[in-house]
Amino acid sequence: MAAPSVSESAITASLLFAIGIGRTPKRESPELSADLQDTVTKMLQDQGAAAQITQAIEAVRAGRDAVAADPSLSLSAQKYGQLRSQFLAAQDAAPGRGRNVWPVGASTILKRASGSWSAALQNVGLAASSRTTPTGFGTARFSEEQFRAALRDFTADGARAGFTTSYQSYVDWRKLEQQGGRTDLPSGPSIRNTYGSWSAALEQDGVPPGTPEPGRTEPGD
């Protein structure tokens, strides 16, 4: 039986995990969002690696904190693969058939990003990786005003179309806007990393959680 599709939260957690290995999360940093924590916990339990859940979650938190402090951080696909292999090698049990493995494989991440490793990194708030530059850094980052403008545009469109101001609504809305040619919209994970949480990002601009109007749908439906 084929494994079910890998969730976006599994991919996000995997990349942040690789950034966070060897780092310590800030003592005052918030806990991981429920979707990231639940995803990591369930996938490691399913593959017989429950003993590594705490280590993995702490690494994901540390990665999130590191990206928030330095958005120029990046990661090559080769380095990601090495770190993933080391983590999996320490596990006592292999996952059963029909189950996905966490951290997610680089090939799966690439497929979900249409074959672009740099796009995969940018989707979780990391800088694009480039084989032509030794540092692996070098993309323009979003300014504070661009973050605020993205949230204003998103909530304004939501008010007109009747969709909620949830995190997933923003992710769907951003994809639609990018298909229309926009390149000035930070990813959802990048906004969460910058503000600390999705709700904090909305509160920063005084945006209350919204509810869809009767008969309206979320963007992308």
N, C-alpha and C. Protein backbone atom coordinates (compact mmCIF):
# COMPACT_ATOMS: atom_id res chain seq x y z
N MET A 1 0.84 -1.19 0.00
CA MET A 1 0.00 0.00 0.00
C MET A 1 0.88 1.24 0.00
N ALA A 2 0.56 2.21 -0.84
CA ALA A 2 1.34 3.43 -0.93
C ALA A 2 1.14 4.27 0.32
N ALA A 3 2.20 4.99 0.69
CA ALA A 3 2.10 5.87 1.85
C ALA A 3 1.24 7.08 1.52
N PRO A 4 0.51 7.62 2.50
CA PRO A 4 -0.30 8.81 2.25
C PRO A 4 0.58 10.01 1.94
N SER A 5 -0.01 11.03 1.37
CA SER A 5 0.74 12.23 1.02
C SER A 5 1.36 12.87 2.27
N VAL A 6 2.59 13.35 2.12
CA VAL A 6 3.28 14.00 3.23
C VAL A 6 2.68 15.39 3.44
N SER A 7 2.44 15.76 4.67
CA SER A 7 1.84 17.06 4.97
C SER A 7 2.88 18.17 4.89
N GLU A 8 2.40 19.40 4.71
CA GLU A 8 3.28 20.56 4.69
C GLU A 8 3.96 20.73 6.04
N SER A 9 3.25 20.42 7.11
CA SER A 9 3.86 20.56 8.44
C SER A 9 5.02 19.60 8.62
N ALA A 10 4.94 18.40 8.01
CA ALA A 10 6.04 17.44 8.10
C ALA A 10 7.27 17.96 7.37
N ILE A 11 7.05 18.61 6.23
CA ILE A 11 8.17 19.18 5.46
C ILE A 11 8.79 20.36 6.20
N THR A 12 7.93 21.24 6.71
CA THR A 12 8.42 22.40 7.46
C THR A 12 9.24 21.95 8.67
N ALA A 13 8.69 21.00 9.43
CA ALA A 13 9.39 20.52 10.62
C ALA A 13 10.71 19.85 10.25
N SER A 14 10.75 19.14 9.14
CA SER A 14 11.97 18.45 8.71
C SER A 14 13.09 19.44 8.42
N LEU A 15 12.77 20.49 7.67
CA LEU A 15 13.80 21.48 7.31
C LEU A 15 14.26 22.27 8.53
N LEU A 16 13.32 22.66 9.39
CA LEU A 16 13.71 23.37 10.61
C LEU A 16 14.53 22.47 11.53
N PHE A 17 14.19 21.19 11.55
CA PHE A 17 14.96 20.22 12.34
C PHE A 17 16.42 20.21 11.91
N ALA A 18 16.64 20.17 10.59
CA ALA A 18 18.01 20.12 10.08
C ALA A 18 18.78 21.38 10.43
N ILE A 19 18.11 22.52 10.40
CA ILE A 19 18.75 23.78 10.80
C ILE A 19 19.05 23.79 12.29
N GLY A 20 18.16 23.18 13.07
CA GLY A 20 18.27 23.26 14.53
C GLY A 20 19.17 22.24 15.19
N ILE A 21 19.60 21.20 14.46
CA ILE A 21 20.47 20.19 15.06
C ILE A 21 21.76 20.85 15.58
N GLY A 22 22.09 20.57 16.83
CA GLY A 22 23.28 21.16 17.43
C GLY A 22 23.04 22.52 18.07
N ARG A 23 21.83 23.05 17.94
CA ARG A 23 21.47 24.32 18.55
C ARG A 23 20.54 24.07 19.74
N THR A 24 20.41 25.06 20.57
CA THR A 24 19.51 24.98 21.72
C THR A 24 18.43 26.04 21.58
N PRO A 25 17.15 25.67 21.71
CA PRO A 25 16.09 26.69 21.60
C PRO A 25 16.20 27.71 22.72
N LYS A 26 15.80 28.93 22.43
CA LYS A 26 15.83 29.96 23.45
C LYS A 26 14.88 29.60 24.59
N ARG A 27 15.32 29.88 25.80
CA ARG A 27 14.51 29.51 26.96
C ARG A 27 13.14 30.17 26.93
N GLU A 28 13.09 31.41 26.43
CA GLU A 28 11.83 32.15 26.43
C GLU A 28 11.01 31.92 25.16
N SER A 29 11.51 31.11 24.23
CA SER A 29 10.79 30.92 22.97
C SER A 29 9.52 30.10 23.20
N PRO A 30 8.47 30.39 22.43
CA PRO A 30 7.20 29.66 22.60
C PRO A 30 7.32 28.22 22.13
N GLU A 31 6.39 27.40 22.56
CA GLU A 31 6.35 26.03 22.10
C GLU A 31 6.03 25.98 20.61
N LEU A 32 6.30 24.85 20.00
CA LEU A 32 5.93 24.69 18.60
C LEU A 32 4.42 24.76 18.43
N SER A 33 3.99 25.15 17.25
CA SER A 33 2.56 25.14 16.97
C SER A 33 2.06 23.69 17.07
N ALA A 34 0.78 23.54 17.33
CA ALA A 34 0.21 22.20 17.55
C ALA A 34 0.40 21.31 16.32
N ASP A 35 0.27 21.90 15.11
CA ASP A 35 0.37 21.06 13.93
C ASP A 35 1.78 20.50 13.75
N LEU A 36 2.81 21.32 14.01
CA LEU A 36 4.19 20.83 13.90
C LEU A 36 4.48 19.78 14.97
N GLN A 37 4.11 20.08 16.19
CA GLN A 37 4.41 19.15 17.29
C GLN A 37 3.68 17.82 17.12
N ASP A 38 2.42 17.89 16.76
CA ASP A 38 1.63 16.66 16.58
C ASP A 38 2.16 15.83 15.42
N THR A 39 2.56 16.51 14.35
CA THR A 39 3.07 15.79 13.18
C THR A 39 4.34 15.03 13.51
N VAL A 40 5.30 15.72 14.14
CA VAL A 40 6.57 15.08 14.49
C VAL A 40 6.32 13.91 15.45
N THR A 41 5.50 14.15 16.45
CA THR A 41 5.22 13.11 17.46
C THR A 41 4.61 11.87 16.83
N LYS A 42 3.58 12.05 16.01
CA LYS A 42 2.88 10.92 15.42
C LYS A 42 3.77 10.15 14.44
N MET A 43 4.51 10.88 13.61
CA MET A 43 5.34 10.19 12.61
C MET A 43 6.47 9.40 13.27
N LEU A 44 7.08 9.96 14.30
CA LEU A 44 8.15 9.23 14.98
C LEU A 44 7.58 8.03 15.75
N GLN A 45 6.42 8.18 16.33
CA GLN A 45 5.79 7.04 16.99
C GLN A 45 5.51 5.92 15.97
N ASP A 46 4.99 6.30 14.81
CA ASP A 46 4.65 5.32 13.79
C ASP A 46 5.87 4.57 13.26
N GLN A 47 7.03 5.21 13.30
CA GLN A 47 8.23 4.53 12.78
C GLN A 47 9.09 3.94 13.89
N GLY A 48 8.49 3.82 15.07
CA GLY A 48 9.17 3.14 16.16
C GLY A 48 10.29 3.94 16.79
N ALA A 49 10.21 5.26 16.72
CA ALA A 49 11.28 6.11 17.23
C ALA A 49 10.76 7.08 18.29
N ALA A 50 9.85 6.59 19.13
CA ALA A 50 9.26 7.46 20.15
C ALA A 50 10.31 8.04 21.10
N ALA A 51 11.40 7.31 21.30
CA ALA A 51 12.45 7.79 22.22
C ALA A 51 13.13 9.05 21.72
N GLN A 52 12.98 9.35 20.44
CA GLN A 52 13.66 10.51 19.87
C GLN A 52 12.73 11.71 19.69
N ILE A 53 11.50 11.60 20.16
CA ILE A 53 10.55 12.69 19.97
C ILE A 53 11.01 13.98 20.63
N THR A 54 11.43 13.90 21.88
CA THR A 54 11.86 15.11 22.60
C THR A 54 13.03 15.77 21.91
N GLN A 55 14.04 14.98 21.52
CA GLN A 55 15.19 15.51 20.82
C GLN A 55 14.78 16.20 19.52
N ALA A 56 13.88 15.55 18.78
CA ALA A 56 13.46 16.08 17.49
C ALA A 56 12.71 17.40 17.66
N ILE A 57 11.78 17.45 18.61
CA ILE A 57 10.99 18.66 18.81
C ILE A 57 11.87 19.82 19.27
N GLU A 58 12.83 19.54 20.13
CA GLU A 58 13.75 20.59 20.57
C GLU A 58 14.58 21.11 19.41
N ALA A 59 14.98 20.22 18.50
CA ALA A 59 15.75 20.65 17.33
C ALA A 59 14.89 21.51 16.40
N VAL A 60 13.63 21.14 16.22
CA VAL A 60 12.73 21.94 15.38
C VAL A 60 12.53 23.32 15.99
N ARG A 61 12.35 23.38 17.30
CA ARG A 61 12.21 24.67 17.98
C ARG A 61 13.47 25.52 17.80
N ALA A 62 14.63 24.88 17.96
CA ALA A 62 15.89 25.60 17.81
C ALA A 62 16.06 26.11 16.38
N GLY A 63 15.64 25.31 15.41
CA GLY A 63 15.71 25.74 14.02
C GLY A 63 14.80 26.92 13.76
N ARG A 64 13.60 26.87 14.31
CA ARG A 64 12.66 27.99 14.16
C ARG A 64 13.24 29.26 14.75
N ASP A 65 13.83 29.16 15.95
CA ASP A 65 14.42 30.33 16.59
C ASP A 65 15.60 30.87 15.78
N ALA A 66 16.40 29.96 15.23
CA ALA A 66 17.58 30.37 14.47
C ALA A 66 17.18 31.13 13.20
N VAL A 67 16.15 30.64 12.53
CA VAL A 67 15.68 31.30 11.31
C VAL A 67 15.09 32.66 11.63
N ALA A 68 14.37 32.76 12.73
CA ALA A 68 13.79 34.04 13.14
C ALA A 68 14.88 35.06 13.44
N ALA A 69 15.99 34.59 14.02
CA ALA A 69 17.09 35.49 14.37
C ALA A 69 17.97 35.84 13.17
N ASP A 70 18.07 34.91 12.21
CA ASP A 70 18.93 35.13 11.05
C ASP A 70 18.27 34.54 9.80
N PRO A 71 17.46 35.32 9.09
CA PRO A 71 16.74 34.81 7.92
C PRO A 71 17.64 34.43 6.77
N SER A 72 18.95 34.76 6.86
CA SER A 72 19.85 34.39 5.77
C SER A 72 20.32 32.95 5.87
N LEU A 73 19.94 32.25 6.93
CA LEU A 73 20.34 30.86 7.08
C LEU A 73 19.84 30.03 5.89
N SER A 74 20.65 29.09 5.46
CA SER A 74 20.27 28.25 4.34
C SER A 74 20.79 26.83 4.58
N LEU A 75 20.50 25.95 3.65
CA LEU A 75 20.83 24.54 3.82
C LEU A 75 20.83 23.87 2.46
N SER A 76 21.92 23.19 2.13
CA SER A 76 21.95 22.49 0.84
C SER A 76 21.20 21.17 0.95
N ALA A 77 20.73 20.68 -0.18
CA ALA A 77 20.04 19.39 -0.19
C ALA A 77 20.98 18.28 0.26
N GLN A 78 22.25 18.38 -0.13
CA GLN A 78 23.22 17.35 0.26
C GLN A 78 23.41 17.32 1.78
N LYS A 79 23.57 18.50 2.38
CA LYS A 79 23.74 18.56 3.83
C LYS A 79 22.49 18.07 4.54
N TYR A 80 21.33 18.44 4.02
CA TYR A 80 20.07 17.97 4.60
C TYR A 80 20.03 16.45 4.60
N GLY A 81 20.40 15.84 3.48
CA GLY A 81 20.39 14.39 3.38
C GLY A 81 21.32 13.73 4.38
N GLN A 82 22.48 14.33 4.60
CA GLN A 82 23.44 13.77 5.56
C GLN A 82 22.88 13.81 6.98
N LEU A 83 22.31 14.96 7.36
CA LEU A 83 21.76 15.10 8.70
C LEU A 83 20.58 14.16 8.91
N ARG A 84 19.76 14.02 7.90
CA ARG A 84 18.61 13.11 7.98
C ARG A 84 19.08 11.67 8.16
N SER A 85 20.07 11.26 7.37
CA SER A 85 20.58 9.89 7.45
C SER A 85 21.15 9.58 8.82
N GLN A 86 21.85 10.55 9.41
CA GLN A 86 22.43 10.36 10.74
C GLN A 86 21.33 10.16 11.78
N PHE A 87 20.27 10.94 11.67
CA PHE A 87 19.17 10.83 12.62
C PHE A 87 18.46 9.48 12.48
N LEU A 88 18.19 9.07 11.24
CA LEU A 88 17.49 7.81 11.02
C LEU A 88 18.35 6.61 11.43
N ALA A 89 19.66 6.73 11.26
CA ALA A 89 20.55 5.62 11.61
C ALA A 89 20.54 5.33 13.10
N ALA A 90 20.19 6.34 13.91
CA ALA A 90 20.18 6.16 15.36
C ALA A 90 18.88 5.54 15.87
N GLN A 91 17.92 5.32 14.97
CA GLN A 91 16.64 4.77 15.39
C GLN A 91 16.72 3.25 15.52
N ASP A 92 15.98 2.73 16.47
CA ASP A 92 16.01 1.30 16.74
C ASP A 92 15.11 0.50 15.80
N ALA A 93 14.07 1.15 15.26
CA ALA A 93 13.12 0.42 14.44
C ALA A 93 12.84 1.18 13.15
N ALA A 94 12.65 0.43 12.09
CA ALA A 94 12.33 1.04 10.79
C ALA A 94 10.82 1.15 10.65
N PRO A 95 10.35 2.15 9.89
CA PRO A 95 8.91 2.29 9.69
C PRO A 95 8.34 1.15 8.89
N GLY A 96 7.09 0.82 9.14
CA GLY A 96 6.43 -0.25 8.38
C GLY A 96 6.08 0.20 6.99
N ARG A 97 5.69 -0.73 6.16
CA ARG A 97 5.30 -0.41 4.80
C ARG A 97 4.05 0.47 4.80
N GLY A 98 3.99 1.39 3.84
CA GLY A 98 2.84 2.27 3.76
C GLY A 98 2.90 3.44 4.70
N ARG A 99 4.06 3.66 5.34
CA ARG A 99 4.21 4.78 6.26
C ARG A 99 5.33 5.70 5.77
N ASN A 100 5.11 6.99 5.93
CA ASN A 100 6.15 7.95 5.58
C ASN A 100 7.21 7.99 6.68
N VAL A 101 8.41 8.41 6.31
CA VAL A 101 9.51 8.52 7.25
C VAL A 101 9.77 9.98 7.55
N TRP A 102 9.98 10.27 8.82
CA TRP A 102 10.36 11.63 9.23
C TRP A 102 11.74 11.59 9.84
N PRO A 103 12.61 12.55 9.53
CA PRO A 103 12.44 13.66 8.62
C PRO A 103 12.16 13.21 7.18
N VAL A 104 11.43 14.02 6.46
CA VAL A 104 11.02 13.70 5.10
C VAL A 104 12.23 13.68 4.18
N GLY A 105 12.22 12.78 3.21
CA GLY A 105 13.33 12.68 2.28
C GLY A 105 13.45 13.90 1.38
N ALA A 106 14.67 14.21 0.96
CA ALA A 106 14.90 15.39 0.11
C ALA A 106 14.15 15.28 -1.21
N SER A 107 14.04 14.06 -1.76
CA SER A 107 13.34 13.90 -3.03
C SER A 107 11.86 14.26 -2.90
N THR A 108 11.26 13.90 -1.77
CA THR A 108 9.87 14.24 -1.53
C THR A 108 9.70 15.76 -1.40
N ILE A 109 10.63 16.39 -0.68
CA ILE A 109 10.58 17.84 -0.52
C ILE A 109 10.69 18.52 -1.88
N LEU A 110 11.58 18.01 -2.73
CA LEU A 110 11.76 18.59 -4.06
C LEU A 110 10.49 18.45 -4.90
N LYS A 111 9.87 17.29 -4.84
CA LYS A 111 8.65 17.07 -5.63
C LYS A 111 7.57 18.05 -5.22
N ARG A 112 7.44 18.30 -3.93
CA ARG A 112 6.40 19.21 -3.45
C ARG A 112 6.70 20.66 -3.81
N ALA A 113 7.98 20.95 -4.13
CA ALA A 113 8.37 22.31 -4.50
C ALA A 113 8.65 22.41 -5.99
N SER A 114 8.04 21.51 -6.78
CA SER A 114 8.17 21.52 -8.24
C SER A 114 9.63 21.40 -8.69
N GLY A 115 10.42 20.63 -7.92
CA GLY A 115 11.79 20.36 -8.31
C GLY A 115 12.80 21.41 -7.91
N SER A 116 12.38 22.43 -7.16
CA SER A 116 13.30 23.51 -6.78
C SER A 116 13.60 23.44 -5.28
N TRP A 117 14.85 23.14 -4.94
CA TRP A 117 15.25 23.11 -3.54
C TRP A 117 15.18 24.50 -2.94
N SER A 118 15.58 25.50 -3.71
CA SER A 118 15.52 26.87 -3.22
C SER A 118 14.10 27.28 -2.88
N ALA A 119 13.14 26.87 -3.72
CA ALA A 119 11.74 27.19 -3.45
C ALA A 119 11.28 26.50 -2.17
N ALA A 120 11.74 25.26 -1.96
CA ALA A 120 11.38 24.54 -0.75
C ALA A 120 11.88 25.27 0.49
N LEU A 121 13.10 25.79 0.42
CA LEU A 121 13.66 26.53 1.54
C LEU A 121 12.88 27.82 1.79
N GLN A 122 12.58 28.54 0.73
CA GLN A 122 11.86 29.80 0.88
C GLN A 122 10.46 29.59 1.43
N ASN A 123 9.87 28.44 1.16
CA ASN A 123 8.53 28.15 1.67
C ASN A 123 8.48 28.06 3.18
N VAL A 124 9.64 27.78 3.81
CA VAL A 124 9.66 27.70 5.27
C VAL A 124 10.46 28.85 5.88
N GLY A 125 10.71 29.90 5.08
CA GLY A 125 11.36 31.09 5.63
C GLY A 125 12.86 31.08 5.59
N LEU A 126 13.48 30.10 4.90
CA LEU A 126 14.93 30.04 4.78
C LEU A 126 15.38 30.72 3.50
N ALA A 127 16.64 31.10 3.47
CA ALA A 127 17.21 31.69 2.26
C ALA A 127 17.42 30.61 1.21
N ALA A 128 17.34 31.00 -0.05
CA ALA A 128 17.56 30.05 -1.14
C ALA A 128 18.99 29.55 -1.12
N SER A 129 19.16 28.29 -1.42
CA SER A 129 20.49 27.69 -1.49
C SER A 129 20.98 27.77 -2.92
N SER A 130 22.26 28.05 -3.10
CA SER A 130 22.84 28.15 -4.45
C SER A 130 24.16 27.42 -4.49
N ARG A 131 24.34 26.54 -5.46
CA ARG A 131 25.59 25.81 -5.60
C ARG A 131 26.71 26.70 -6.12
N THR A 132 26.36 27.88 -6.65
CA THR A 132 27.38 28.74 -7.25
C THR A 132 28.04 29.66 -6.24
N THR A 133 27.51 29.73 -5.03
CA THR A 133 28.12 30.57 -4.01
C THR A 133 28.47 29.72 -2.80
N PRO A 134 29.70 29.82 -2.28
CA PRO A 134 30.14 28.99 -1.18
C PRO A 134 29.27 29.10 0.06
N THR A 135 28.71 30.26 0.32
CA THR A 135 27.96 30.43 1.55
C THR A 135 26.58 29.81 1.48
N GLY A 136 26.03 29.68 0.31
CA GLY A 136 24.68 29.17 0.18
C GLY A 136 23.63 30.22 0.50
N PHE A 137 24.07 31.45 0.75
CA PHE A 137 23.15 32.52 1.06
C PHE A 137 22.95 33.39 -0.18
N GLY A 138 22.24 34.50 -0.02
CA GLY A 138 22.25 35.48 -1.07
C GLY A 138 20.94 35.79 -1.73
N THR A 139 19.80 35.77 -1.02
CA THR A 139 18.56 36.21 -1.63
C THR A 139 18.04 37.41 -0.84
N ALA A 140 17.35 38.26 -1.53
CA ALA A 140 16.79 39.43 -0.87
C ALA A 140 15.71 38.99 0.12
N ARG A 141 15.74 39.55 1.31
CA ARG A 141 14.77 39.18 2.32
C ARG A 141 13.63 40.20 2.32
N PHE A 142 12.53 39.83 2.89
CA PHE A 142 11.39 40.72 2.95
C PHE A 142 11.57 41.74 4.06
N SER A 143 11.16 42.96 3.79
CA SER A 143 11.25 44.03 4.78
C SER A 143 10.06 43.96 5.71
N GLU A 144 10.15 44.73 6.80
CA GLU A 144 9.03 44.78 7.74
C GLU A 144 7.77 45.28 7.04
N GLU A 145 7.93 46.27 6.18
CA GLU A 145 6.76 46.81 5.48
C GLU A 145 6.15 45.78 4.54
N GLN A 146 6.98 44.93 3.92
CA GLN A 146 6.45 43.88 3.04
C GLN A 146 5.64 42.85 3.83
N PHE A 147 6.11 42.53 5.03
CA PHE A 147 5.33 41.63 5.89
C PHE A 147 3.97 42.26 6.20
N ARG A 148 3.99 43.51 6.59
CA ARG A 148 2.75 44.19 6.96
C ARG A 148 1.83 44.34 5.75
N ALA A 149 2.41 44.66 4.61
CA ALA A 149 1.60 44.82 3.40
C ALA A 149 0.95 43.51 3.00
N ALA A 150 1.69 42.41 3.14
CA ALA A 150 1.13 41.10 2.80
C ALA A 150 -0.06 40.78 3.67
N LEU A 151 0.06 41.05 4.98
CA LEU A 151 -1.04 40.79 5.90
C LEU A 151 -2.23 41.71 5.61
N ARG A 152 -1.94 42.97 5.28
CA ARG A 152 -3.04 43.89 4.96
C ARG A 152 -3.78 43.45 3.70
N ASP A 153 -3.02 43.07 2.66
CA ASP A 153 -3.65 42.64 1.41
C ASP A 153 -4.47 41.38 1.63
N PHE A 154 -3.90 40.44 2.39
CA PHE A 154 -4.58 39.18 2.66
C PHE A 154 -5.89 39.39 3.40
N THR A 155 -5.85 40.20 4.47
CA THR A 155 -7.06 40.40 5.25
C THR A 155 -8.10 41.23 4.47
N ALA A 156 -7.62 42.16 3.65
CA ALA A 156 -8.55 42.94 2.83
C ALA A 156 -9.26 42.05 1.82
N ASP A 157 -8.51 41.16 1.16
CA ASP A 157 -9.12 40.22 0.22
C ASP A 157 -10.08 39.28 0.94
N GLY A 158 -9.68 38.87 2.16
CA GLY A 158 -10.54 37.98 2.93
C GLY A 158 -11.86 38.63 3.29
N ALA A 159 -11.79 39.93 3.63
CA ALA A 159 -13.02 40.64 3.98
C ALA A 159 -13.95 40.75 2.78
N ARG A 160 -13.36 40.92 1.60
CA ARG A 160 -14.17 41.04 0.39
C ARG A 160 -14.74 39.69 -0.04
N ALA A 161 -13.90 38.64 0.03
CA ALA A 161 -14.30 37.33 -0.49
C ALA A 161 -14.99 36.46 0.56
N GLY A 162 -14.82 36.80 1.83
CA GLY A 162 -15.50 36.06 2.88
C GLY A 162 -14.76 34.84 3.39
N PHE A 163 -13.42 34.79 3.21
CA PHE A 163 -12.69 33.66 3.80
C PHE A 163 -12.02 34.11 5.10
N THR A 164 -11.62 33.14 5.93
CA THR A 164 -11.10 33.44 7.26
C THR A 164 -9.68 33.97 7.20
N THR A 165 -9.22 34.47 8.35
CA THR A 165 -7.84 34.94 8.45
C THR A 165 -6.95 33.86 9.08
N SER A 166 -7.28 32.60 8.87
CA SER A 166 -6.48 31.51 9.42
C SER A 166 -5.15 31.39 8.68
N TYR A 167 -4.22 30.70 9.31
CA TYR A 167 -2.91 30.47 8.70
C TYR A 167 -3.05 29.74 7.37
N GLN A 168 -3.87 28.68 7.34
CA GLN A 168 -4.03 27.91 6.10
C GLN A 168 -4.66 28.75 5.00
N SER A 169 -5.56 29.67 5.37
CA SER A 169 -6.15 30.56 4.38
C SER A 169 -5.07 31.42 3.74
N TYR A 170 -4.13 31.90 4.57
CA TYR A 170 -3.04 32.71 4.00
C TYR A 170 -2.19 31.90 3.04
N VAL A 171 -1.86 30.65 3.43
CA VAL A 171 -1.06 29.79 2.56
C VAL A 171 -1.74 29.60 1.21
N ASP A 172 -3.05 29.32 1.24
CA ASP A 172 -3.80 29.13 0.00
C ASP A 172 -3.87 30.42 -0.81
N TRP A 173 -4.13 31.52 -0.12
CA TRP A 173 -4.23 32.83 -0.79
C TRP A 173 -2.91 33.19 -1.46
N ARG A 174 -1.80 32.98 -0.74
CA ARG A 174 -0.47 33.31 -1.30
C ARG A 174 -0.20 32.52 -2.57
N LYS A 175 -0.57 31.23 -2.58
CA LYS A 175 -0.35 30.42 -3.76
C LYS A 175 -1.10 30.98 -4.96
N LEU A 176 -2.34 31.39 -4.72
CA LEU A 176 -3.14 31.97 -5.80
C LEU A 176 -2.53 33.28 -6.29
N GLU A 177 -2.06 34.10 -5.37
CA GLU A 177 -1.44 35.37 -5.74
C GLU A 177 -0.15 35.14 -6.52
N GLN A 178 0.64 34.16 -6.12
CA GLN A 178 1.88 33.85 -6.84
C GLN A 178 1.59 33.35 -8.25
N GLN A 179 0.53 32.58 -8.39
CA GLN A 179 0.14 32.13 -9.72
C GLN A 179 -0.22 33.31 -10.61
N GLY A 180 -0.66 34.40 -9.99
CA GLY A 180 -1.00 35.60 -10.73
C GLY A 180 0.20 36.51 -10.97
N GLY A 181 1.37 36.10 -10.47
CA GLY A 181 2.60 36.85 -10.75
C GLY A 181 3.21 37.60 -9.59
N ARG A 182 2.60 37.58 -8.40
CA ARG A 182 3.17 38.31 -7.27
C ARG A 182 4.41 37.61 -6.72
N THR A 183 5.41 38.37 -6.38
CA THR A 183 6.66 37.82 -5.83
C THR A 183 7.04 38.49 -4.51
N ASP A 184 6.14 39.33 -3.98
CA ASP A 184 6.46 40.12 -2.80
C ASP A 184 5.76 39.63 -1.54
N LEU A 185 5.36 38.36 -1.53
CA LEU A 185 4.61 37.84 -0.39
C LEU A 185 5.44 36.84 0.40
N PRO A 186 5.75 37.12 1.67
CA PRO A 186 6.49 36.15 2.50
C PRO A 186 5.67 34.88 2.68
N SER A 187 6.34 33.77 2.89
CA SER A 187 5.64 32.52 3.14
C SER A 187 4.96 32.55 4.51
N GLY A 188 4.00 31.65 4.70
CA GLY A 188 3.36 31.54 6.00
C GLY A 188 4.34 31.25 7.12
N PRO A 189 5.23 30.23 6.94
CA PRO A 189 6.22 29.96 7.99
C PRO A 189 7.12 31.16 8.28
N SER A 190 7.48 31.93 7.24
CA SER A 190 8.33 33.09 7.45
C SER A 190 7.63 34.12 8.32
N ILE A 191 6.33 34.31 8.10
CA ILE A 191 5.56 35.25 8.93
C ILE A 191 5.50 34.76 10.37
N ARG A 192 5.25 33.46 10.54
CA ARG A 192 5.17 32.91 11.91
C ARG A 192 6.53 33.04 12.61
N ASN A 193 7.62 32.77 11.87
CA ASN A 193 8.94 32.89 12.48
C ASN A 193 9.25 34.33 12.88
N THR A 194 8.82 35.28 12.05
CA THR A 194 9.11 36.68 12.30
C THR A 194 8.33 37.22 13.50
N TYR A 195 7.06 36.87 13.59
CA TYR A 195 6.20 37.40 14.65
C TYR A 195 6.09 36.49 15.87
N GLY A 196 6.55 35.26 15.74
CA GLY A 196 6.47 34.31 16.86
C GLY A 196 5.32 33.34 16.74
N SER A 197 4.21 33.76 16.14
CA SER A 197 3.06 32.89 15.92
C SER A 197 2.15 33.59 14.90
N TRP A 198 1.22 32.84 14.33
CA TRP A 198 0.30 33.43 13.36
C TRP A 198 -0.63 34.43 14.04
N SER A 199 -1.13 34.09 15.22
CA SER A 199 -2.03 35.00 15.92
C SER A 199 -1.32 36.30 16.29
N ALA A 200 -0.04 36.20 16.66
CA ALA A 200 0.73 37.40 16.99
C ALA A 200 0.91 38.29 15.77
N ALA A 201 1.07 37.67 14.59
CA ALA A 201 1.20 38.45 13.36
C ALA A 201 -0.07 39.24 13.09
N LEU A 202 -1.22 38.61 13.28
CA LEU A 202 -2.49 39.29 13.05
C LEU A 202 -2.71 40.39 14.09
N GLU A 203 -2.39 40.09 15.34
CA GLU A 203 -2.60 41.06 16.40
C GLU A 203 -1.70 42.29 16.22
N GLN A 204 -0.52 42.08 15.62
CA GLN A 204 0.41 43.18 15.38
C GLN A 204 -0.24 44.29 14.57
N ASP A 205 -1.09 43.89 13.63
CA ASP A 205 -1.79 44.87 12.80
C ASP A 205 -3.24 45.02 13.18
N GLY A 206 -3.62 44.51 14.37
CA GLY A 206 -4.97 44.68 14.85
C GLY A 206 -6.01 43.93 14.05
N VAL A 207 -5.64 42.77 13.52
CA VAL A 207 -6.57 41.99 12.70
C VAL A 207 -7.20 40.91 13.55
N PRO A 208 -8.50 40.93 13.76
CA PRO A 208 -9.15 39.87 14.55
C PRO A 208 -9.35 38.63 13.70
N PRO A 209 -9.41 37.43 14.32
CA PRO A 209 -9.72 36.23 13.55
C PRO A 209 -11.06 36.39 12.86
N GLY A 210 -11.14 35.95 11.61
CA GLY A 210 -12.37 36.13 10.85
C GLY A 210 -13.13 34.84 10.69
N THR A 211 -14.34 34.94 10.26
CA THR A 211 -15.16 33.78 9.94
C THR A 211 -15.74 33.97 8.56
N PRO A 212 -15.85 32.90 7.79
CA PRO A 212 -16.37 33.03 6.43
C PRO A 212 -17.85 33.39 6.43
N GLU A 213 -18.24 34.12 5.41
CA GLU A 213 -19.65 34.44 5.25
C GLU A 213 -20.39 33.22 4.75
N PRO A 214 -21.69 33.11 5.00
CA PRO A 214 -22.46 31.97 4.52
C PRO A 214 -22.33 31.80 3.01
N GLY A 215 -22.06 30.57 2.61
CA GLY A 215 -21.97 30.29 1.18
C GLY A 215 -20.63 30.57 0.57
N ARG A 216 -19.67 31.19 1.35
CA ARG A 216 -18.36 31.48 0.81
C ARG A 216 -17.40 30.33 1.12
N THR A 217 -16.29 30.26 0.39
CA THR A 217 -15.33 29.19 0.58
C THR A 217 -13.95 29.77 0.84
N GLU A 218 -13.08 28.92 1.33
CA GLU A 218 -11.69 29.30 1.54
C GLU A 218 -11.01 29.46 0.18
N PRO A 219 -9.95 30.30 0.09
CA PRO A 219 -9.25 30.45 -1.17
C PRO A 219 -8.65 29.13 -1.60
N GLY A 220 -8.76 28.82 -2.87
CA GLY A 220 -8.20 27.58 -3.38
C GLY A 220 -9.19 26.45 -3.44
N ASP A 221 -10.39 26.61 -2.83
CA ASP A 221 -11.39 25.55 -2.86
C ASP A 221 -12.05 25.46 -4.24
